């Protein structure tokens, strides 16, 4: 019986460490501005209609999103910074 009590107390100590990590500050509001989402929407439309150059057409959905976010950053819209390559 004494060993069971020790194992239950170790579970309590691990759960208390989880509570400490949940004290991170949550961001409030939108992550991407409405202007940024509009830019992405426009690029998706351009991809589907084939409005990009013949030499370098957009081949994937992810590419269209990246182009739209890049254009939004250049225009000063609220967009999180690019992720750094490792």
Protein backbone atom coordinates (compact mmCIF):
# COMPACT_ATOMS: atom_id res chain seq x y z
CA UNK A 1 0.00 0.00 0.00
CA UNK A 2 2.82 2.39 0.71
CA UNK A 3 4.07 2.08 -2.88
CA UNK A 4 0.66 2.99 -4.28
CA UNK A 5 0.61 6.25 -2.34
CA UNK A 6 4.02 7.20 -3.71
CA UNK A 7 2.90 6.65 -7.31
CA UNK A 8 -0.21 8.77 -6.83
CA UNK A 9 1.83 11.61 -5.36
CA UNK A 10 4.16 11.53 -8.38
CA UNK A 11 1.13 12.00 -10.65
CA UNK A 12 0.13 15.07 -8.68
CA UNK A 13 3.56 16.64 -9.07
CA UNK A 14 3.49 16.12 -12.86
CA UNK A 15 0.05 17.73 -13.14
CA UNK A 16 1.24 20.78 -11.22
CA UNK A 17 4.04 21.30 -13.76
CA UNK A 18 1.42 21.40 -16.55
CA UNK A 19 -0.35 24.28 -14.84
CA UNK A 20 2.82 26.35 -14.90
CA UNK A 21 3.17 26.06 -18.67
CA UNK A 22 -0.40 27.22 -19.29
CA UNK A 23 0.42 30.72 -18.05
CA UNK A 24 1.44 31.86 -21.56
CA UNK A 25 -0.16 35.06 -22.77
CA UNK A 26 -2.72 34.47 -25.51
CA UNK A 27 -2.80 36.86 -28.45
CA UNK A 28 -5.98 38.82 -28.79
CA UNK A 29 -7.73 39.74 -32.00
CA UNK A 30 -7.08 38.63 -35.53
CA UNK A 31 -3.82 37.02 -36.53
CA UNK A 32 -4.20 38.16 -40.15
CA UNK A 33 -5.91 41.39 -41.15
CA UNK A 34 -8.88 41.54 -43.48
CA UNK A 35 -6.64 43.12 -46.12
CA UNK A 36 -4.27 40.13 -45.93
CA UNK A 37 -7.11 37.67 -46.39
CA UNK A 38 -8.36 39.73 -49.35
CA UNK A 39 -4.90 39.52 -50.97
CA UNK A 40 -4.84 35.74 -50.55
CA UNK A 41 -8.35 35.50 -51.98
CA UNK A 42 -7.28 37.55 -55.01
CA UNK A 43 -4.24 35.35 -55.63
CA UNK A 44 -6.38 32.21 -55.40
CA UNK A 45 -8.66 33.72 -58.05
CA UNK A 46 -5.66 34.56 -60.25
CA UNK A 47 -4.34 31.01 -59.86
CA UNK A 48 -7.64 29.47 -60.93
CA UNK A 49 -8.14 31.80 -63.88
CA UNK A 50 -4.50 31.55 -65.04
CA UNK A 51 -3.71 35.27 -64.82
CA UNK A 52 -0.06 34.74 -63.84
CA UNK A 53 2.72 34.70 -66.40
CA UNK A 54 3.14 31.74 -68.72
CA UNK A 55 6.77 31.27 -67.63
CA UNK A 56 6.02 30.93 -63.91
CA UNK A 57 2.43 29.81 -63.31
CA UNK A 58 1.24 29.11 -59.77
CA UNK A 59 1.15 25.34 -59.38
CA UNK A 60 -0.28 24.85 -55.90
CA UNK A 61 -2.66 26.32 -53.36
CA UNK A 62 0.21 26.87 -50.89
CA UNK A 63 2.07 28.92 -53.47
CA UNK A 64 -0.95 31.18 -53.98
CA UNK A 65 -1.28 31.72 -50.23
CA UNK A 66 2.43 32.55 -49.92
CA UNK A 67 2.23 35.07 -52.78
CA UNK A 68 -0.88 36.69 -51.29
CA UNK A 69 0.70 37.03 -47.84
CA UNK A 70 3.89 38.41 -49.35
CA UNK A 71 1.94 41.09 -51.22
CA UNK A 72 -0.01 41.92 -48.06
CA UNK A 73 3.25 42.36 -46.11
CA UNK A 74 4.55 44.75 -48.78
CA UNK A 75 1.37 46.81 -48.52
CA UNK A 76 1.70 46.98 -44.72
CA UNK A 77 -1.18 44.69 -43.72
CA UNK A 78 -1.15 42.89 -40.39
CA UNK A 79 0.55 39.56 -41.12
CA UNK A 80 2.79 37.53 -38.80
CA UNK A 81 6.48 37.46 -39.83
CA UNK A 82 7.80 34.70 -42.08
CA UNK A 83 8.99 31.52 -40.41
CA UNK A 84 12.78 31.18 -40.50
CA UNK A 85 14.21 28.11 -42.24
CA UNK A 86 16.21 25.87 -39.91
